[in-house]
Amino acid sequence: MASSMSVTDELWIAILSIWVCLSVASNVSIIACIWKKALEKKNTGQSSLTSTDILIVSLAVNDILLAGVLLPQKIHDLSHTEHFFECESFKVLIFISCT
């Protein structure tokens, strides 16, 4: 890390790093639970997924992408202020996720 970082920046980096790990892990577990439920229903002959299950999986995948792509970019921006780099695709993703 850069030596010119403030304690506040270091705290934000730590919080965002923990947030990324917890967010990805919890959303993967949500997808796994719904997958297991769908397999159990399939074995009993019922319909596999309801529209609510599909919506929840869709939101979980969106959260994984947000935590796995955008938050690491934010962590990089906080920790590397002298080498700031943000390509156009990240600007588009940030705009889409904020609207």
C-alpha atoms as a PDB file:
ATOM      1  CA  MET A   1       0.000   0.000   0.000  1.00  0.00           C
ATOM      2  CA  ALA A   2       1.044   3.561  -0.543  1.00  0.00           C
ATOM      3  CA  SER A   3       2.652   5.280   2.419  1.00  0.00           C
ATOM      4  CA  SER A   4       0.521   8.394   1.908  1.00  0.00           C
ATOM      5  CA  MET A   5      -2.720   6.584   2.746  1.00  0.00           C
ATOM      6  CA  SER A   6      -4.702   7.892   5.649  1.00  0.00           C
ATOM      7  CA  VAL A   7      -6.087   5.730   8.422  1.00  0.00           C
ATOM      8  CA  THR A   8      -9.573   6.349   7.038  1.00  0.00           C
ATOM      9  CA  ASP A   9      -8.577   4.961   3.643  1.00  0.00           C
ATOM     10  CA  GLU A  10      -7.031   1.892   5.248  1.00  0.00           C
ATOM     11  CA  LEU A  11     -10.201   1.365   7.275  1.00  0.00           C
ATOM     12  CA  TRP A  12     -12.370   1.625   4.145  1.00  0.00           C
ATOM     13  CA  ILE A  13     -10.134  -0.867   2.338  1.00  0.00           C
ATOM     14  CA  ALA A  14     -10.465  -3.330   5.222  1.00  0.00           C
ATOM     15  CA  ILE A  15     -14.248  -2.891   5.392  1.00  0.00           C
ATOM     16  CA  LEU A  16     -14.687  -3.269   1.630  1.00  0.00           C
ATOM     17  CA  SER A  17     -12.453  -6.352   1.551  1.00  0.00           C
ATOM     18  CA  ILE A  18     -14.487  -8.034   4.270  1.00  0.00           C
ATOM     19  CA  TRP A  19     -17.681  -6.958   2.495  1.00  0.00           C
ATOM     20  CA  VAL A  20     -16.523  -8.548  -0.778  1.00  0.00           C
ATOM     21  CA  CYS A  21     -15.736 -11.880   0.892  1.00  0.00           C
ATOM     22  CA  LEU A  22     -18.972 -12.012   2.881  1.00  0.00           C
ATOM     23  CA  SER A  23     -21.099 -10.927  -0.061  1.00  0.00           C
ATOM     24  CA  VAL A  24     -19.713 -13.511  -2.460  1.00  0.00           C
ATOM     25  CA  ALA A  25     -19.849 -16.313   0.136  1.00  0.00           C
ATOM     26  CA  SER A  26     -23.413 -15.563   1.238  1.00  0.00           C
ATOM     27  CA  ASN A  27     -24.753 -15.266  -2.304  1.00  0.00           C
ATOM     28  CA  VAL A  28     -23.065 -18.498  -3.360  1.00  0.00           C
ATOM     29  CA  SER A  29     -24.720 -20.202  -0.383  1.00  0.00           C
ATOM     30  CA  ILE A  30     -28.111 -18.793  -1.428  1.00  0.00           C
ATOM     31  CA  ILE A  31     -27.665 -20.205  -4.921  1.00  0.00           C
ATOM     32  CA  ALA A  32     -26.570 -23.562  -3.461  1.00  0.00           C
ATOM     33  CA  CYS A  33     -29.653 -23.724  -1.211  1.00  0.00           C
ATOM     34  CA  ILE A  34     -32.020 -23.009  -4.074  1.00  0.00           C
ATOM     35  CA  TRP A  35     -30.178 -25.533  -6.274  1.00  0.00           C
ATOM     36  CA  LYS A  36     -30.534 -28.187  -3.546  1.00  0.00           C
ATOM     37  CA  LYS A  37     -34.229 -27.377  -3.123  1.00  0.00           C
ATOM     38  CA  ALA A  38     -34.765 -27.658  -6.879  1.00  0.00           C
ATOM     39  CA  LEU A  39     -33.041 -31.049  -6.990  1.00  0.00           C
ATOM     40  CA  GLU A  40     -35.164 -32.334  -4.103  1.00  0.00           C
ATOM     41  CA  LYS A  41     -38.349 -31.173  -5.830  1.00  0.00           C
ATOM     42  CA  LYS A  42     -37.229 -32.776  -9.079  1.00  0.00           C
ATOM     43  CA  ASN A  43     -36.782 -36.126  -7.338  1.00  0.00           C
ATOM     44  CA  THR A  44     -40.348 -35.981  -5.992  1.00  0.00           C
ATOM     45  CA  GLY A  45     -41.791 -35.097  -9.407  1.00  0.00           C
ATOM     46  CA  GLN A  46     -42.782 -31.514  -8.581  1.00  0.00           C
ATOM     47  CA  SER A  47     -41.820 -28.553 -10.714  1.00  0.00           C
ATOM     48  CA  SER A  48     -38.215 -27.599 -10.034  1.00  0.00           C
ATOM     49  CA  LEU A  49     -38.104 -23.825  -9.722  1.00  0.00           C
ATOM     50  CA  THR A  50     -40.722 -21.223  -9.017  1.00  0.00           C
ATOM     51  CA  SER A  51     -40.553 -17.713 -10.399  1.00  0.00           C
ATOM     52  CA  THR A  52     -39.531 -16.501  -6.933  1.00  0.00           C
ATOM     53  CA  ASP A  53     -36.579 -18.913  -6.920  1.00  0.00           C
ATOM     54  CA  ILE A  54     -35.475 -17.654 -10.312  1.00  0.00           C
ATOM     55  CA  LEU A  55     -35.712 -14.036  -9.135  1.00  0.00           C
ATOM     56  CA  ILE A  56     -33.676 -14.771  -5.995  1.00  0.00           C
ATOM     57  CA  VAL A  57     -30.975 -16.561  -8.004  1.00  0.00           C
ATOM     58  CA  SER A  58     -30.881 -13.672 -10.464  1.00  0.00           C
ATOM     59  CA  LEU A  59     -30.399 -11.167  -7.634  1.00  0.00           C
ATOM     60  CA  ALA A  60     -27.721 -13.346  -6.050  1.00  0.00           C
ATOM     61  CA  VAL A  61     -25.804 -13.564  -9.334  1.00  0.00           C
ATOM     62  CA  ASN A  62     -26.075  -9.784  -9.704  1.00  0.00           C
ATOM     63  CA  ASP A  63     -24.711  -9.306  -6.184  1.00  0.00           C
ATOM     64  CA  ILE A  64     -21.820 -11.674  -6.896  1.00  0.00           C
ATOM     65  CA  LEU A  65     -20.923  -9.692 -10.005  1.00  0.00           C
ATOM     66  CA  LEU A  66     -21.167  -6.410  -8.109  1.00  0.00           C
ATOM     67  CA  ALA A  67     -19.001  -7.674  -5.268  1.00  0.00           C
ATOM     68  CA  GLY A  68     -16.605  -9.508  -7.553  1.00  0.00           C
ATOM     69  CA  VAL A  69     -16.057  -6.797 -10.169  1.00  0.00           C
ATOM     70  CA  LEU A  70     -16.966  -3.334  -8.946  1.00  0.00           C
ATOM     71  CA  LEU A  71     -15.930  -3.433  -5.298  1.00  0.00           C
ATOM     72  CA  PRO A  72     -12.403  -4.720  -6.039  1.00  0.00           C
ATOM     73  CA  GLN A  73     -12.073  -1.836  -8.510  1.00  0.00           C
ATOM     74  CA  LYS A  74     -13.084   0.563  -5.726  1.00  0.00           C
ATOM     75  CA  ILE A  75     -10.536  -1.032  -3.386  1.00  0.00           C
ATOM     76  CA  HIS A  76      -7.875  -0.602  -6.059  1.00  0.00           C
ATOM     77  CA  ASP A  77      -8.839   3.031  -6.559  1.00  0.00           C
ATOM     78  CA  LEU A  78      -8.527   3.721  -2.818  1.00  0.00           C
ATOM     79  CA  SER A  79      -5.200   1.958  -2.431  1.00  0.00           C
ATOM     80  CA  HIS A  80      -3.468   3.113  -5.636  1.00  0.00           C
ATOM     81  CA  THR A  81      -4.208   6.802  -5.928  1.00  0.00           C
ATOM     82  CA  GLU A  82      -0.961   7.541  -7.781  1.00  0.00           C
ATOM     83  CA  HIS A  83      -1.625   4.850 -10.406  1.00  0.00           C
ATOM     84  CA  PHE A  84      -5.297   5.515 -10.944  1.00  0.00           C
ATOM     85  CA  PHE A  85      -6.672   3.462 -13.817  1.00  0.00           C
ATOM     86  CA  GLU A  86     -10.280   2.944 -14.728  1.00  0.00           C
ATOM     87  CA  CYS A  87     -11.079   1.571 -18.153  1.00  0.00           C
ATOM     88  CA  GLU A  88     -14.244   2.471 -20.043  1.00  0.00           C
ATOM     89  CA  SER A  89     -15.964  -0.856 -19.347  1.00  0.00           C
ATOM     90  CA  PHE A  90     -15.804  -0.230 -15.585  1.00  0.00           C
ATOM     91  CA  LYS A  91     -17.315   3.224 -16.062  1.00  0.00           C
ATOM     92  CA  VAL A  92     -20.216   1.644 -17.952  1.00  0.00           C
ATOM     93  CA  LEU A  93     -20.674  -1.053 -15.272  1.00  0.00           C
ATOM     94  CA  ILE A  94     -20.664   1.548 -12.511  1.00  0.00           C
ATOM     95  CA  PHE A  95     -23.237   3.637 -14.385  1.00  0.00           C
ATOM     96  CA  ILE A  96     -25.486   0.618 -14.986  1.00  0.00           C
ATOM     97  CA  SER A  97     -25.278  -0.573 -11.379  1.00  0.00           C
ATOM     98  CA  CYS A  98     -26.159   2.893 -10.053  1.00  0.00           C
ATOM     99  CA  THR A  99     -29.260   3.319 -12.222  1.00  0.00           C
END
